[in-house]
Amino acid sequence: MNKSKLFFYPILIFILSVVALALSLFLYIYWYMEVSTGLKAVILRFNLDPSQVLEPQTWVVIMVLSILVGIILMGILMIFVYTQKTAQLYRLQHNFINNFTHELKTPVTSLKLYLETFLKYELSREDRLKYIRYMIQDVTQLSDNINRILNLARIQSRNYKGNFSIVDINQAVKQFLKNNNHLFQNCEINIHNPSDRSFSCRIDLSLFEMLLMNLLTNAVKYNASEKPQIDITFEPKKRELHIHFEDNGIGFNKNETKKIFRKFYQAGRSDNMSAKGSGLGLHLVQNIARIHKGKVIAESKGIGKGSVFTLILPNRS
């Protein structure tokens, strides 16, 4: 059974249930009106006392019944929405487990192959160094994936308390790029500050660096160009600071603009290139932004046209 059928059947059952309940209420009221009309004709014909035949509280009963049916309808709607969200979360988690397992298995398989090569063959120093560099890359990939899980759990914990301080955000970004220059050697990263001002923001530096790492590695990972390019632009707006991260990557469809921040969501799963990652990076970014009383907005003109992620933070300068 395909996904469209799995999605269609619950909606069909929900609609039929609501229609059946509403129709039963309508038929009851219609039946009562018809009976009342007949009784009134009998009362007029035989000159009877209406209070002995028609109960004055009947309309109150009908009104209460209508309210109860309305509450039942709302309950059915809430159960339906909750069920659909649960089913969607299950699908996302299933996709995450499949993909994350692949993300873990690939570097492990690669490491095993290199180690077996070391055992079986006598390699030259040049080959040994080459394989060791590959192994370090695999270990780094494993470490990054595990850290995403651990960091997300830590950040989403209710007991989490950050170590906040007032920092010049422009200098913090420059220092981060300087410290991690080895990770972006094949990229062109430019910082633009048209106002030529310093911007003081209250941030947790370790969390902010985690946010930068996820945004920049995403821009590099989801990029089909020979040389990934990232432009970081600082734009002050009243009491806010907008930091734009614009890349020349693969971009995404407009209907995915809000979805890409969901936990486990992976944009464009039909595209092999965009099916990388665990689906946690941008969710982590949005959570870190919220801890800093800010948010992240994503924009793209479409597939193959790059993307712009805008970090909005309170500006104290």
C-alpha atoms as a PDB file:
ATOM      1  CA  MET A   1       0.000   0.000   0.000  1.00  0.00           C
ATOM      2  CA  ASN A   2       1.521   3.316  -1.052  1.00  0.00           C
ATOM      3  CA  LYS A   3       1.781   6.466   1.080  1.00  0.00           C
ATOM      4  CA  SER A   4      -1.050   8.277  -0.736  1.00  0.00           C
ATOM      5  CA  LYS A   5      -3.491   5.485   0.208  1.00  0.00           C
ATOM      6  CA  LEU A   6      -2.274   5.428   3.800  1.00  0.00           C
ATOM      7  CA  PHE A   7      -2.897   9.179   3.948  1.00  0.00           C
ATOM      8  CA  PHE A   8      -6.246   8.997   2.104  1.00  0.00           C
ATOM      9  CA  TYR A   9      -8.000   6.349   4.215  1.00  0.00           C
ATOM     10  CA  PRO A  10      -7.839   8.178   7.591  1.00  0.00           C
ATOM     11  CA  ILE A  11      -9.168  11.351   5.930  1.00  0.00           C
ATOM     12  CA  LEU A  12     -12.018   9.404   4.283  1.00  0.00           C
ATOM     13  CA  ILE A  13     -12.941   7.721   7.573  1.00  0.00           C
ATOM     14  CA  PHE A  14     -12.816  11.071   9.396  1.00  0.00           C
ATOM     15  CA  ILE A  15     -15.061  12.778   6.816  1.00  0.00           C
ATOM     16  CA  LEU A  16     -17.578   9.895   6.848  1.00  0.00           C
ATOM     17  CA  SER A  17     -17.680   9.927  10.676  1.00  0.00           C
ATOM     18  CA  VAL A  18     -18.329  13.670  10.813  1.00  0.00           C
ATOM     19  CA  VAL A  19     -20.968  13.501   8.068  1.00  0.00           C
ATOM     20  CA  ALA A  20     -22.708  10.563   9.787  1.00  0.00           C
ATOM     21  CA  LEU A  21     -22.806  12.359  13.150  1.00  0.00           C
ATOM     22  CA  ALA A  22     -24.000  15.650  11.653  1.00  0.00           C
ATOM     23  CA  LEU A  23     -26.601  13.825   9.527  1.00  0.00           C
ATOM     24  CA  SER A  24     -27.950  11.963  12.562  1.00  0.00           C
ATOM     25  CA  LEU A  25     -28.430  15.282  14.399  1.00  0.00           C
ATOM     26  CA  PHE A  26     -30.109  16.811  11.353  1.00  0.00           C
ATOM     27  CA  LEU A  27     -32.465  13.825  10.951  1.00  0.00           C
ATOM     28  CA  TYR A  28     -33.372  13.964  14.640  1.00  0.00           C
ATOM     29  CA  ILE A  29     -34.276  17.681  14.429  1.00  0.00           C
ATOM     30  CA  TYR A  30     -36.109  17.109  11.141  1.00  0.00           C
ATOM     31  CA  TRP A  31     -38.046  14.208  12.640  1.00  0.00           C
ATOM     32  CA  TYR A  32     -38.974  16.281  15.680  1.00  0.00           C
ATOM     33  CA  MET A  33     -40.185  19.176  13.506  1.00  0.00           C
ATOM     34  CA  GLU A  34     -42.349  16.831  11.425  1.00  0.00           C
ATOM     35  CA  VAL A  35     -43.810  15.196  14.535  1.00  0.00           C
ATOM     36  CA  SER A  36     -44.421  18.587  16.151  1.00  0.00           C
ATOM     37  CA  THR A  37     -46.273  19.809  13.050  1.00  0.00           C
ATOM     38  CA  GLY A  38     -48.486  16.702  13.108  1.00  0.00           C
ATOM     39  CA  LEU A  39     -49.160  17.062  16.833  1.00  0.00           C
ATOM     40  CA  LYS A  40     -50.086  20.724  16.431  1.00  0.00           C
ATOM     41  CA  ALA A  41     -52.629  19.748  13.779  1.00  0.00           C
ATOM     42  CA  VAL A  42     -54.113  17.151  16.149  1.00  0.00           C
ATOM     43  CA  ILE A  43     -54.223  19.708  19.009  1.00  0.00           C
ATOM     44  CA  LEU A  44     -56.082  22.239  16.860  1.00  0.00           C
ATOM     45  CA  ARG A  45     -58.503  19.601  15.567  1.00  0.00           C
ATOM     46  CA  PHE A  46     -59.473  18.207  18.973  1.00  0.00           C
ATOM     47  CA  ASN A  47     -58.943  21.452  20.951  1.00  0.00           C
ATOM     48  CA  LEU A  48     -56.396  19.943  23.350  1.00  0.00           C
ATOM     49  CA  ASP A  49     -54.045  21.637  25.824  1.00  0.00           C
ATOM     50  CA  PRO A  50     -50.637  22.063  24.030  1.00  0.00           C
ATOM     51  CA  SER A  51     -48.689  21.771  27.312  1.00  0.00           C
ATOM     52  CA  GLN A  52     -50.002  18.243  27.789  1.00  0.00           C
ATOM     53  CA  VAL A  53     -48.743  17.113  24.387  1.00  0.00           C
ATOM     54  CA  LEU A  54     -45.731  19.284  23.583  1.00  0.00           C
ATOM     55  CA  GLU A  55     -43.073  19.580  26.281  1.00  0.00           C
ATOM     56  CA  PRO A  56     -41.683  23.197  26.452  1.00  0.00           C
ATOM     57  CA  GLN A  57     -38.247  21.845  27.453  1.00  0.00           C
ATOM     58  CA  THR A  58     -37.832  19.987  24.172  1.00  0.00           C
ATOM     59  CA  TRP A  59     -35.984  22.857  22.463  1.00  0.00           C
ATOM     60  CA  VAL A  60     -33.633  23.066  25.429  1.00  0.00           C
ATOM     61  CA  VAL A  61     -32.915  19.351  25.018  1.00  0.00           C
ATOM     62  CA  ILE A  62     -32.269  19.870  21.296  1.00  0.00           C
ATOM     63  CA  MET A  63     -29.915  22.782  22.027  1.00  0.00           C
ATOM     64  CA  VAL A  64     -27.964  20.755  24.634  1.00  0.00           C
ATOM     65  CA  LEU A  65     -27.842  17.811  22.221  1.00  0.00           C
ATOM     66  CA  SER A  66     -26.474  20.095  19.486  1.00  0.00           C
ATOM     67  CA  ILE A  67     -23.767  21.384  21.855  1.00  0.00           C
ATOM     68  CA  LEU A  68     -22.797  17.823  22.823  1.00  0.00           C
ATOM     69  CA  VAL A  69     -22.612  16.799  19.162  1.00  0.00           C
ATOM     70  CA  GLY A  70     -20.411  19.862  18.529  1.00  0.00           C
ATOM     71  CA  ILE A  71     -18.084  18.809  21.359  1.00  0.00           C
ATOM     72  CA  ILE A  72     -17.953  15.273  19.952  1.00  0.00           C
ATOM     73  CA  LEU A  73     -17.087  16.664  16.521  1.00  0.00           C
ATOM     74  CA  MET A  74     -14.278  18.747  18.045  1.00  0.00           C
ATOM     75  CA  GLY A  75     -13.032  15.673  19.881  1.00  0.00           C
ATOM     76  CA  ILE A  76     -13.010  13.636  16.667  1.00  0.00           C
ATOM     77  CA  LEU A  77     -11.140  16.456  14.902  1.00  0.00           C
ATOM     78  CA  MET A  78      -8.507  16.666  17.662  1.00  0.00           C
ATOM     79  CA  ILE A  79      -8.027  12.874  17.653  1.00  0.00           C
ATOM     80  CA  PHE A  80      -7.702  12.930  13.859  1.00  0.00           C
ATOM     81  CA  VAL A  81      -5.107  15.743  13.894  1.00  0.00           C
ATOM     82  CA  TYR A  82      -3.143  14.053  16.690  1.00  0.00           C
ATOM     83  CA  THR A  83      -3.216  10.721  14.836  1.00  0.00           C
ATOM     84  CA  GLN A  84      -2.003  12.335  11.623  1.00  0.00           C
ATOM     85  CA  LYS A  85       0.845  14.127  13.424  1.00  0.00           C
ATOM     86  CA  THR A  86       1.822  10.899  15.176  1.00  0.00           C
ATOM     87  CA  ALA A  87       1.839   9.040  11.854  1.00  0.00           C
ATOM     88  CA  GLN A  88       3.931  11.811  10.293  1.00  0.00           C
ATOM     89  CA  LEU A  89       6.418  11.716  13.192  1.00  0.00           C
ATOM     90  CA  TYR A  90       6.650   7.944  12.836  1.00  0.00           C
ATOM     91  CA  ARG A  91       7.446   8.299   9.118  1.00  0.00           C
ATOM     92  CA  LEU A  92      10.071  10.949   9.845  1.00  0.00           C
ATOM     93  CA  GLN A  93      11.652   8.830  12.567  1.00  0.00           C
ATOM     94  CA  HIS A  94      11.661   5.813  10.262  1.00  0.00           C
ATOM     95  CA  ASN A  95      13.428   7.860   7.567  1.00  0.00           C
ATOM     96  CA  PHE A  96      15.866   9.193  10.161  1.00  0.00           C
ATOM     97  CA  ILE A  97      16.758   5.725  11.468  1.00  0.00           C
ATOM     98  CA  ASN A  98      17.309   4.391   7.945  1.00  0.00           C
ATOM     99  CA  ASN A  99      19.396   7.362   6.874  1.00  0.00           C
ATOM    100  CA  PHE A 100      21.303   7.810  10.128  1.00  0.00           C
ATOM    101  CA  THR A 101      22.168   4.109  10.139  1.00  0.00           C
ATOM    102  CA  HIS A 102      23.625   4.630   6.679  1.00  0.00           C
ATOM    103  CA  GLU A 103      25.516   7.708   7.924  1.00  0.00           C
ATOM    104  CA  LEU A 104      27.096   5.629  10.694  1.00  0.00           C
ATOM    105  CA  LYS A 105      27.655   2.481   8.656  1.00  0.00           C
ATOM    106  CA  THR A 106      29.447   4.178   5.754  1.00  0.00           C
ATOM    107  CA  PRO A 107      32.443   5.562   7.705  1.00  0.00           C
ATOM    108  CA  VAL A 108      32.647   2.395   9.831  1.00  0.00           C
ATOM    109  CA  THR A 109      32.824   0.236   6.693  1.00  0.00           C
ATOM    110  CA  SER A 110      35.423   2.576   5.249  1.00  0.00           C
ATOM    111  CA  LEU A 111      37.534   2.435   8.422  1.00  0.00           C
ATOM    112  CA  LYS A 112      37.364  -1.355   8.465  1.00  0.00           C
ATOM    113  CA  LEU A 113      38.537  -1.494   4.846  1.00  0.00           C
ATOM    114  CA  TYR A 114      41.525   0.762   5.533  1.00  0.00           C
ATOM    115  CA  LEU A 115      42.523  -1.195   8.651  1.00  0.00           C
ATOM    116  CA  GLU A 116      42.318  -4.480   6.765  1.00  0.00           C
ATOM    117  CA  THR A 117      44.511  -2.941   4.060  1.00  0.00           C
ATOM    118  CA  PHE A 118      47.107  -2.038   6.711  1.00  0.00           C
ATOM    119  CA  LEU A 119      47.088  -5.641   7.971  1.00  0.00           C
ATOM    120  CA  LYS A 120      47.334  -7.352   4.604  1.00  0.00           C
ATOM    121  CA  TYR A 121      49.791  -5.168   2.708  1.00  0.00           C
ATOM    122  CA  GLU A 122      53.113  -3.496   3.270  1.00  0.00           C
ATOM    123  CA  LEU A 123      52.394   0.111   2.315  1.00  0.00           C
ATOM    124  CA  SER A 124      54.748   2.939   1.558  1.00  0.00           C
ATOM    125  CA  ARG A 125      54.838   5.914   3.902  1.00  0.00           C
ATOM    126  CA  GLU A 126      53.009   8.040   1.334  1.00  0.00           C
ATOM    127  CA  ASP A 127      50.157   5.514   1.049  1.00  0.00           C
ATOM    128  CA  ARG A 128      49.963   5.095   4.819  1.00  0.00           C
ATOM    129  CA  LEU A 129      49.626   8.857   5.313  1.00  0.00           C
ATOM    130  CA  LYS A 130      46.984   9.024   2.585  1.00  0.00           C
ATOM    131  CA  TYR A 131      44.903   6.268   4.189  1.00  0.00           C
ATOM    132  CA  ILE A 132      45.350   7.764   7.633  1.00  0.00           C
ATOM    133  CA  ARG A 133      43.954  11.076   6.353  1.00  0.00           C
ATOM    134  CA  TYR A 134      40.939   9.210   4.959  1.00  0.00           C
ATOM    135  CA  MET A 135      40.454   7.468   8.290  1.00  0.00           C
ATOM    136  CA  ILE A 136      40.578  10.781  10.145  1.00  0.00           C
ATOM    137  CA  GLN A 137      37.850  12.093   7.827  1.00  0.00           C
ATOM    138  CA  ASP A 138      35.705   9.039   8.586  1.00  0.00           C
ATOM    139  CA  VAL A 139      36.244   9.418  12.337  1.00  0.00           C
ATOM    140  CA  THR A 140      35.347  13.117  12.078  1.00  0.00           C
ATOM    141  CA  GLN A 141      32.145  12.232  10.251  1.00  0.00           C
ATOM    142  CA  LEU A 142      31.232   9.684  12.933  1.00  0.00           C
ATOM    143  CA  SER A 143      32.010  12.175  15.674  1.00  0.00           C
ATOM    144  CA  ASP A 144      29.893  14.891  14.036  1.00  0.00           C
ATOM    145  CA  ASN A 145      26.875  12.588  13.735  1.00  0.00           C
ATOM    146  CA  ILE A 146      27.122  11.419  17.346  1.00  0.00           C
ATOM    147  CA  ASN A 147      27.611  14.984  18.596  1.00  0.00           C
ATOM    148  CA  ARG A 148      24.440  16.118  16.822  1.00  0.00           C
ATOM    149  CA  ILE A 149      22.407  13.570  18.763  1.00  0.00           C
ATOM    150  CA  LEU A 150      24.071  14.410  22.086  1.00  0.00           C
ATOM    151  CA  ASN A 151      23.834  18.173  21.551  1.00  0.00           C
ATOM    152  CA  LEU A 152      20.166  18.008  20.591  1.00  0.00           C
ATOM    153  CA  ALA A 153      19.350  16.013  23.720  1.00  0.00           C
ATOM    154  CA  ARG A 154      21.305  18.491  25.858  1.00  0.00           C
ATOM    155  CA  ILE A 155      19.717  21.582  24.320  1.00  0.00           C
ATOM    156  CA  GLN A 156      16.168  20.225  24.515  1.00  0.00           C
ATOM    157  CA  SER A 157      16.601  19.336  28.168  1.00  0.00           C
ATOM    158  CA  ARG A 158      14.495  21.509  30.470  1.00  0.00           C
ATOM    159  CA  ASN A 159      17.404  21.746  32.897  1.00  0.00           C
ATOM    160  CA  TYR A 160      19.752  23.237  30.312  1.00  0.00           C
ATOM    161  CA  LYS A 161      21.264  26.588  31.303  1.00  0.00           C
ATOM    162  CA  GLY A 162      23.616  28.326  28.933  1.00  0.00           C
ATOM    163  CA  ASN A 163      26.716  30.335  29.759  1.00  0.00           C
ATOM    164  CA  PHE A 164      25.732  33.698  28.271  1.00  0.00           C
ATOM    165  CA  SER A 165      27.893  36.790  27.858  1.00  0.00           C
ATOM    166  CA  ILE A 166      27.921  39.983  25.785  1.00  0.00           C
ATOM    167  CA  VAL A 167      29.983  39.328  22.653  1.00  0.00           C
ATOM    168  CA  ASP A 168      30.859  41.249  19.500  1.00  0.00           C
ATOM    169  CA  ILE A 169      29.091  38.923  17.089  1.00  0.00           C
ATOM    170  CA  ASN A 170      31.087  40.073  14.076  1.00  0.00           C
ATOM    171  CA  GLN A 171      34.375  39.224  15.768  1.00  0.00           C
ATOM    172  CA  ALA A 172      32.931  35.932  17.028  1.00  0.00           C
ATOM    173  CA  VAL A 173      32.155  34.834  13.446  1.00  0.00           C
ATOM    174  CA  LYS A 174      35.624  35.865  12.228  1.00  0.00           C
ATOM    175  CA  GLN A 175      37.312  34.022  15.089  1.00  0.00           C
ATOM    176  CA  PHE A 176      35.228  30.906  14.418  1.00  0.00           C
ATOM    177  CA  LEU A 177      36.266  30.882  10.749  1.00  0.00           C
ATOM    178  CA  LYS A 178      39.901  31.398  11.723  1.00  0.00           C
ATOM    179  CA  ASN A 179      39.826  28.518  14.233  1.00  0.00           C
ATOM    180  CA  ASN A 180      38.098  26.185  11.777  1.00  0.00           C
ATOM    181  CA  ASN A 181      39.816  27.261   8.594  1.00  0.00           C
ATOM    182  CA  HIS A 182      40.958  23.672   7.930  1.00  0.00           C
ATOM    183  CA  LEU A 183      37.327  22.532   7.581  1.00  0.00           C
ATOM    184  CA  PHE A 184      36.525  25.031   4.824  1.00  0.00           C
ATOM    185  CA  GLN A 185      39.729  25.097   2.803  1.00  0.00           C
ATOM    186  CA  ASN A 186      37.959  24.314  -0.462  1.00  0.00           C
ATOM    187  CA  CYS A 187      35.299  26.976   0.110  1.00  0.00           C
ATOM    188  CA  GLU A 188      35.094  30.692  -0.473  1.00  0.00           C
ATOM    189  CA  ILE A 189      33.604  32.378   2.591  1.00  0.00           C
ATOM    190  CA  ASN A 190      33.185  36.159   2.585  1.00  0.00           C
ATOM    191  CA  ILE A 191      32.042  38.385   5.448  1.00  0.00           C
ATOM    192  CA  HIS A 192      30.186  41.609   4.597  1.00  0.00           C
ATOM    193  CA  ASN A 193      29.463  44.382   7.078  1.00  0.00           C
ATOM    194  CA  PRO A 194      28.194  47.365   5.022  1.00  0.00           C
ATOM    195  CA  SER A 195      27.486  49.498   8.106  1.00  0.00           C
ATOM    196  CA  ASP A 196      31.038  48.893   9.399  1.00  0.00           C
ATOM    197  CA  ARG A 197      29.692  48.650  12.945  1.00  0.00           C
ATOM    198  CA  SER A 198      30.275  46.272  15.830  1.00  0.00           C
ATOM    199  CA  PHE A 199      27.263  44.357  17.113  1.00  0.00           C
ATOM    200  CA  SER A 200      26.943  43.330  20.750  1.00  0.00           C
ATOM    201  CA  CYS A 201      24.715  40.331  21.421  1.00  0.00           C
ATOM    202  CA  ARG A 202      24.146  38.221  24.506  1.00  0.00           C
ATOM    203  CA  ILE A 203      25.070  34.699  23.424  1.00  0.00           C
ATOM    204  CA  ASP A 204      26.358  31.376  24.642  1.00  0.00           C
ATOM    205  CA  LEU A 205      29.561  31.202  22.606  1.00  0.00           C
ATOM    206  CA  SER A 206      29.748  27.392  22.459  1.00  0.00           C
ATOM    207  CA  LEU A 207      26.138  27.151  21.260  1.00  0.00           C
ATOM    208  CA  PHE A 208      26.648  29.953  18.761  1.00  0.00           C
ATOM    209  CA  GLU A 209      29.673  28.188  17.311  1.00  0.00           C
ATOM    210  CA  MET A 210      27.596  25.016  17.062  1.00  0.00           C
ATOM    211  CA  LEU A 211      24.974  26.983  15.122  1.00  0.00           C
ATOM    212  CA  LEU A 212      27.638  28.389  12.777  1.00  0.00           C
ATOM    213  CA  MET A 213      29.143  24.945  12.235  1.00  0.00           C
ATOM    214  CA  ASN A 214      25.791  23.446  11.246  1.00  0.00           C
ATOM    215  CA  LEU A 215      24.845  26.306   8.907  1.00  0.00           C
ATOM    216  CA  LEU A 216      28.223  26.376   7.152  1.00  0.00           C
ATOM    217  CA  THR A 217      28.660  22.605   6.840  1.00  0.00           C
ATOM    218  CA  ASN A 218      25.112  22.392   5.478  1.00  0.00           C
ATOM    219  CA  ALA A 219      25.992  24.996   2.842  1.00  0.00           C
ATOM    220  CA  VAL A 220      29.039  22.932   1.859  1.00  0.00           C
ATOM    221  CA  LYS A 221      27.407  19.505   2.038  1.00  0.00           C
ATOM    222  CA  TYR A 222      24.366  20.432  -0.055  1.00  0.00           C
ATOM    223  CA  ASN A 223      26.370  21.995  -2.845  1.00  0.00           C
ATOM    224  CA  ALA A 224      26.983  20.728  -6.379  1.00  0.00           C
ATOM    225  CA  SER A 225      29.355  23.495  -7.511  1.00  0.00           C
ATOM    226  CA  GLU A 226      33.104  22.969  -7.880  1.00  0.00           C
ATOM    227  CA  LYS A 227      33.806  25.568  -5.205  1.00  0.00           C
ATOM    228  CA  PRO A 228      31.135  26.209  -2.553  1.00  0.00           C
ATOM    229  CA  GLN A 229      30.664  29.905  -1.864  1.00  0.00           C
ATOM    230  CA  ILE A 230      29.128  31.401   1.273  1.00  0.00           C
ATOM    231  CA  ASP A 231      28.459  35.096   1.875  1.00  0.00           C
ATOM    232  CA  ILE A 232      27.838  36.163   5.469  1.00  0.00           C
ATOM    233  CA  THR A 233      26.202  39.598   5.671  1.00  0.00           C
ATOM    234  CA  PHE A 234      25.453  41.627   8.822  1.00  0.00           C
ATOM    235  CA  GLU A 235      22.348  43.813   8.544  1.00  0.00           C
ATOM    236  CA  PRO A 236      21.205  45.860  11.582  1.00  0.00           C
ATOM    237  CA  LYS A 237      17.449  46.520  11.853  1.00  0.00           C
ATOM    238  CA  LYS A 238      16.219  48.608  14.799  1.00  0.00           C
ATOM    239  CA  ARG A 239      16.691  46.356  17.850  1.00  0.00           C
ATOM    240  CA  GLU A 240      17.515  43.280  15.802  1.00  0.00           C
ATOM    241  CA  LEU A 241      20.550  42.006  13.967  1.00  0.00           C
ATOM    242  CA  HIS A 242      19.994  39.995  10.802  1.00  0.00           C
ATOM    243  CA  ILE A 243      22.869  37.734   9.771  1.00  0.00           C
ATOM    244  CA  HIS A 244      22.389  36.336   6.260  1.00  0.00           C
ATOM    245  CA  PHE A 245      24.154  33.123   5.202  1.00  0.00           C
ATOM    246  CA  GLU A 246      23.822  32.980   1.421  1.00  0.00           C
ATOM    247  CA  ASP A 247      25.239  30.022  -0.519  1.00  0.00           C
ATOM    248  CA  ASN A 248      25.413  28.745  -4.084  1.00  0.00           C
ATOM    249  CA  GLY A 249      24.148  25.292  -3.115  1.00  0.00           C
ATOM    250  CA  ILE A 250      21.374  23.077  -4.444  1.00  0.00           C
ATOM    251  CA  GLY A 251      18.584  25.118  -2.795  1.00  0.00           C
ATOM    252  CA  PHE A 252      15.122  23.737  -2.022  1.00  0.00           C
ATOM    253  CA  ASN A 253      11.496  24.078  -3.081  1.00  0.00           C
ATOM    254  CA  LYS A 254       9.331  26.807  -1.540  1.00  0.00           C
ATOM    255  CA  ASN A 255       6.919  24.253  -0.070  1.00  0.00           C
ATOM    256  CA  GLU A 256       9.796  22.966   2.080  1.00  0.00           C
ATOM    257  CA  THR A 257      10.639  26.353   3.636  1.00  0.00           C
ATOM    258  CA  LYS A 258       9.129  25.591   7.051  1.00  0.00           C
ATOM    259  CA  LYS A 259       9.524  21.823   6.945  1.00  0.00           C
ATOM    260  CA  ILE A 260      13.336  21.855   6.799  1.00  0.00           C
ATOM    261  CA  PHE A 261      13.557  22.918  10.474  1.00  0.00           C
ATOM    262  CA  ARG A 262      11.535  19.919  11.658  1.00  0.00           C
ATOM    263  CA  LYS A 263      13.277  17.159  13.544  1.00  0.00           C
ATOM    264  CA  PHE A 264      14.373  14.314  11.239  1.00  0.00           C
ATOM    265  CA  TYR A 265      13.132  16.128   8.107  1.00  0.00           C
ATOM    266  CA  GLN A 266      15.336  15.882   5.018  1.00  0.00           C
ATOM    267  CA  ALA A 267      14.643  18.167   2.081  1.00  0.00           C
ATOM    268  CA  GLY A 268      14.227  16.633  -1.361  1.00  0.00           C
ATOM    269  CA  ARG A 269      14.659  12.981  -0.439  1.00  0.00           C
ATOM    270  CA  SER A 270      14.103  12.042  -4.092  1.00  0.00           C
ATOM    271  CA  ASP A 271      17.432  13.723  -4.889  1.00  0.00           C
ATOM    272  CA  ASN A 272      20.410  11.550  -3.949  1.00  0.00           C
ATOM    273  CA  MET A 273      22.548  14.544  -3.105  1.00  0.00           C
ATOM    274  CA  SER A 274      20.000  16.181  -0.849  1.00  0.00           C
ATOM    275  CA  ALA A 275      19.334  12.909   0.981  1.00  0.00           C
ATOM    276  CA  LYS A 276      22.568  13.327   2.976  1.00  0.00           C
ATOM    277  CA  GLY A 277      22.678  14.040   6.670  1.00  0.00           C
ATOM    278  CA  SER A 278      20.569  13.030   9.649  1.00  0.00           C
ATOM    279  CA  GLY A 279      17.823  15.632   9.448  1.00  0.00           C
ATOM    280  CA  LEU A 280      18.899  17.138  12.774  1.00  0.00           C
ATOM    281  CA  GLY A 281      21.271  19.960  11.779  1.00  0.00           C
ATOM    282  CA  LEU A 282      18.738  22.681  10.978  1.00  0.00           C
ATOM    283  CA  HIS A 283      16.436  21.579  13.797  1.00  0.00           C
ATOM    284  CA  LEU A 284      19.395  22.066  16.125  1.00  0.00           C
ATOM    285  CA  VAL A 285      20.095  25.487  14.569  1.00  0.00           C
ATOM    286  CA  GLN A 286      16.508  26.662  15.164  1.00  0.00           C
ATOM    287  CA  ASN A 287      16.583  25.460  18.782  1.00  0.00           C
ATOM    288  CA  ILE A 288      19.842  27.306  19.442  1.00  0.00           C
ATOM    289  CA  ALA A 289      18.389  30.469  17.893  1.00  0.00           C
ATOM    290  CA  ARG A 290      15.320  30.228  20.174  1.00  0.00           C
ATOM    291  CA  ILE A 291      17.546  29.806  23.247  1.00  0.00           C
ATOM    292  CA  HIS A 292      19.056  33.158  22.213  1.00  0.00           C
ATOM    293  CA  LYS A 293      15.532  34.653  21.867  1.00  0.00           C
ATOM    294  CA  GLY A 294      15.921  34.731  18.102  1.00  0.00           C
ATOM    295  CA  LYS A 295      14.960  32.640  15.092  1.00  0.00           C
ATOM    296  CA  VAL A 296      16.222  31.433  11.716  1.00  0.00           C
ATOM    297  CA  ILE A 297      14.416  32.044   8.432  1.00  0.00           C
ATOM    298  CA  ALA A 298      15.148  30.020   5.296  1.00  0.00           C
ATOM    299  CA  GLU A 299      14.676  31.232   1.719  1.00  0.00           C
ATOM    300  CA  SER A 300      15.426  29.772  -1.700  1.00  0.00           C
ATOM    301  CA  LYS A 301      14.383  30.576  -5.256  1.00  0.00           C
ATOM    302  CA  GLY A 302      14.191  26.872  -6.042  1.00  0.00           C
ATOM    303  CA  ILE A 303      16.265  23.783  -6.776  1.00  0.00           C
ATOM    304  CA  GLY A 304      19.728  24.661  -8.070  1.00  0.00           C
ATOM    305  CA  LYS A 305      19.433  28.347  -7.126  1.00  0.00           C
ATOM    306  CA  GLY A 306      21.100  28.364  -3.728  1.00  0.00           C
ATOM    307  CA  SER A 307      19.596  29.335  -0.402  1.00  0.00           C
ATOM    308  CA  VAL A 308      19.710  32.063   2.222  1.00  0.00           C
ATOM    309  CA  PHE A 309      19.449  31.365   5.951  1.00  0.00           C
ATOM    310  CA  THR A 310      18.858  34.466   8.059  1.00  0.00           C
ATOM    311  CA  LEU A 311      19.674  34.401  11.762  1.00  0.00           C
ATOM    312  CA  ILE A 312      17.745  37.070  13.683  1.00  0.00           C
ATOM    313  CA  LEU A 313      19.126  38.027  17.108  1.00  0.00           C
ATOM    314  CA  PRO A 314      18.358  40.801  19.611  1.00  0.00           C
ATOM    315  CA  ASN A 315      20.913  43.594  19.107  1.00  0.00           C
ATOM    316  CA  ARG A 316      22.240  45.385  22.176  1.00  0.00           C
ATOM    317  CA  SER A 317      24.528  47.824  20.350  1.00  0.00           C
END
